[in-house]
Amino acid sequence: MNQTAVNDKNFVLVATFCFLLGAFGVHQFYCGKIISGVLMVFTIGGLGIWALVDFVIVCFGEFTDSQGIKIKYAGSN
C-alpha cells in the first residue's frame, strides 16, 4: 500500500453515490471495485447492511479504491 499516492477520486462524490445508490454498488464501480459492485447489485447491497457499513467507512475516510489508496476529503491529510 503506497501512502504517498494521491487518489483522483472525489470524496464527496463517493459519499453521495454510497448514500443515494449504495444498494446498487455505484460507489464500488466508481472506485474500480467491479466484483464488489456486481455482488452489491445482486444482493441489493447486502439488504442495505453492506451499503450502510460502506457509508460509515467512507465518512471516516477509510474507504479505498481498487489500488488500495484511501479516498479522503481534500482538506484532510
C-alpha atoms as a PDB file:
ATOM      1  CA  MET A   1       0.000   0.000   0.000  1.00  0.00           C
ATOM      2  CA  ASN A   2       1.526   3.283  -1.096  1.00  0.00           C
ATOM      3  CA  GLN A   3       0.779   6.014   1.465  1.00  0.00           C
ATOM      4  CA  THR A   4       2.244   8.811  -0.681  1.00  0.00           C
ATOM      5  CA  ALA A   5      -0.019   8.118  -3.648  1.00  0.00           C
ATOM      6  CA  VAL A   6      -2.698  10.672  -4.391  1.00  0.00           C
ATOM      7  CA  ASN A   7      -6.187   9.471  -5.152  1.00  0.00           C
ATOM      8  CA  ASP A   8      -8.004  11.093  -8.064  1.00  0.00           C
ATOM      9  CA  LYS A   9     -11.459  10.011  -6.834  1.00  0.00           C
ATOM     10  CA  ASN A  10     -13.739  12.688  -5.391  1.00  0.00           C
ATOM     11  CA  PHE A  11     -14.606  12.016  -1.727  1.00  0.00           C
ATOM     12  CA  VAL A  12     -17.898  13.921  -1.847  1.00  0.00           C
ATOM     13  CA  LEU A  13     -18.961  12.078  -4.986  1.00  0.00           C
ATOM     14  CA  VAL A  14     -18.137   8.685  -3.438  1.00  0.00           C
ATOM     15  CA  ALA A  15     -20.074   9.581  -0.265  1.00  0.00           C
ATOM     16  CA  THR A  16     -23.057  10.777  -2.322  1.00  0.00           C
ATOM     17  CA  PHE A  17     -23.060   7.660  -4.502  1.00  0.00           C
ATOM     18  CA  CYS A  18     -22.847   5.489  -1.401  1.00  0.00           C
ATOM     19  CA  PHE A  19     -25.676   7.311   0.395  1.00  0.00           C
ATOM     20  CA  LEU A  20     -28.082   7.532  -2.552  1.00  0.00           C
ATOM     21  CA  LEU A  21     -27.191   4.465  -4.636  1.00  0.00           C
ATOM     22  CA  GLY A  22     -25.283   2.304  -2.163  1.00  0.00           C
ATOM     23  CA  ALA A  23     -27.621  -0.654  -2.547  1.00  0.00           C
ATOM     24  CA  PHE A  24     -26.680  -0.822  -6.221  1.00  0.00           C
ATOM     25  CA  GLY A  25     -22.927  -0.573  -5.577  1.00  0.00           C
ATOM     26  CA  VAL A  26     -22.427   2.542  -7.679  1.00  0.00           C
ATOM     27  CA  HIS A  27     -19.677   3.782  -5.341  1.00  0.00           C
ATOM     28  CA  GLN A  28     -17.866   0.446  -5.754  1.00  0.00           C
ATOM     29  CA  PHE A  29     -17.973   0.720  -9.548  1.00  0.00           C
ATOM     30  CA  TYR A  30     -16.758   4.346  -9.366  1.00  0.00           C
ATOM     31  CA  CYS A  31     -13.763   3.273  -7.266  1.00  0.00           C
ATOM     32  CA  GLY A  32     -12.872   0.450  -9.650  1.00  0.00           C
ATOM     33  CA  LYS A  33     -14.065  -2.419  -7.455  1.00  0.00           C
ATOM     34  CA  ILE A  34     -16.072  -4.136 -10.176  1.00  0.00           C
ATOM     35  CA  ILE A  35     -16.532  -7.527  -8.496  1.00  0.00           C
ATOM     36  CA  SER A  36     -17.729  -5.944  -5.250  1.00  0.00           C
ATOM     37  CA  GLY A  37     -20.060  -3.722  -7.258  1.00  0.00           C
ATOM     38  CA  VAL A  38     -21.595  -6.694  -9.047  1.00  0.00           C
ATOM     39  CA  LEU A  39     -22.032  -8.541  -5.740  1.00  0.00           C
ATOM     40  CA  MET A  40     -23.757  -5.487  -4.286  1.00  0.00           C
ATOM     41  CA  VAL A  41     -26.130  -5.335  -7.247  1.00  0.00           C
ATOM     42  CA  PHE A  42     -27.106  -8.986  -6.849  1.00  0.00           C
ATOM     43  CA  THR A  43     -27.528  -8.773  -3.058  1.00  0.00           C
ATOM     44  CA  ILE A  44     -29.078  -5.283  -3.082  1.00  0.00           C
ATOM     45  CA  GLY A  45     -26.201  -4.003  -1.003  1.00  0.00           C
ATOM     46  CA  GLY A  46     -26.389  -6.909   1.414  1.00  0.00           C
ATOM     47  CA  LEU A  47     -30.025  -5.922   2.004  1.00  0.00           C
ATOM     48  CA  GLY A  48     -28.779  -2.455   2.905  1.00  0.00           C
ATOM     49  CA  ILE A  49     -26.335  -3.543   5.608  1.00  0.00           C
ATOM     50  CA  TRP A  50     -23.290  -3.638   3.324  1.00  0.00           C
ATOM     51  CA  ALA A  51     -24.224  -0.240   1.891  1.00  0.00           C
ATOM     52  CA  LEU A  52     -24.603   1.240   5.390  1.00  0.00           C
ATOM     53  CA  VAL A  53     -21.248  -0.150   6.518  1.00  0.00           C
ATOM     54  CA  ASP A  54     -19.592   1.213   3.370  1.00  0.00           C
ATOM     55  CA  PHE A  55     -21.140   4.638   4.015  1.00  0.00           C
ATOM     56  CA  VAL A  56     -19.684   4.738   7.526  1.00  0.00           C
ATOM     57  CA  ILE A  57     -16.288   3.653   6.189  1.00  0.00           C
ATOM     58  CA  VAL A  58     -16.418   6.368   3.512  1.00  0.00           C
ATOM     59  CA  CYS A  59     -17.351   9.025   6.084  1.00  0.00           C
ATOM     60  CA  PHE A  60     -14.372   8.104   8.264  1.00  0.00           C
ATOM     61  CA  GLY A  61     -12.028   8.336   5.259  1.00  0.00           C
ATOM     62  CA  GLU A  62     -11.022   4.674   5.339  1.00  0.00           C
ATOM     63  CA  PHE A  63     -12.617   3.589   2.037  1.00  0.00           C
ATOM     64  CA  THR A  64     -10.069   2.552  -0.595  1.00  0.00           C
ATOM     65  CA  ASP A  65     -10.141   2.299  -4.353  1.00  0.00           C
ATOM     66  CA  SER A  66      -9.139  -0.768  -6.367  1.00  0.00           C
ATOM     67  CA  GLN A  67      -5.443   0.063  -5.878  1.00  0.00           C
ATOM     68  CA  GLY A  68      -5.730   0.308  -2.085  1.00  0.00           C
ATOM     69  CA  ILE A  69      -5.395   4.092  -1.938  1.00  0.00           C
ATOM     70  CA  LYS A  70      -7.669   5.733   0.622  1.00  0.00           C
ATOM     71  CA  ILE A  71     -10.272   8.171  -0.625  1.00  0.00           C
ATOM     72  CA  LYS A  72     -10.219  11.099   1.772  1.00  0.00           C
ATOM     73  CA  TYR A  73     -11.676  14.571   1.914  1.00  0.00           C
ATOM     74  CA  ALA A  74      -9.358  17.019   0.156  1.00  0.00           C
ATOM     75  CA  GLY A  75      -8.957  19.104   3.325  1.00  0.00           C
ATOM     76  CA  SER A  76      -7.663  16.166   5.374  1.00  0.00           C
ATOM     77  CA  ASN A  77      -4.197  14.624   5.427  1.00  0.00           C
END
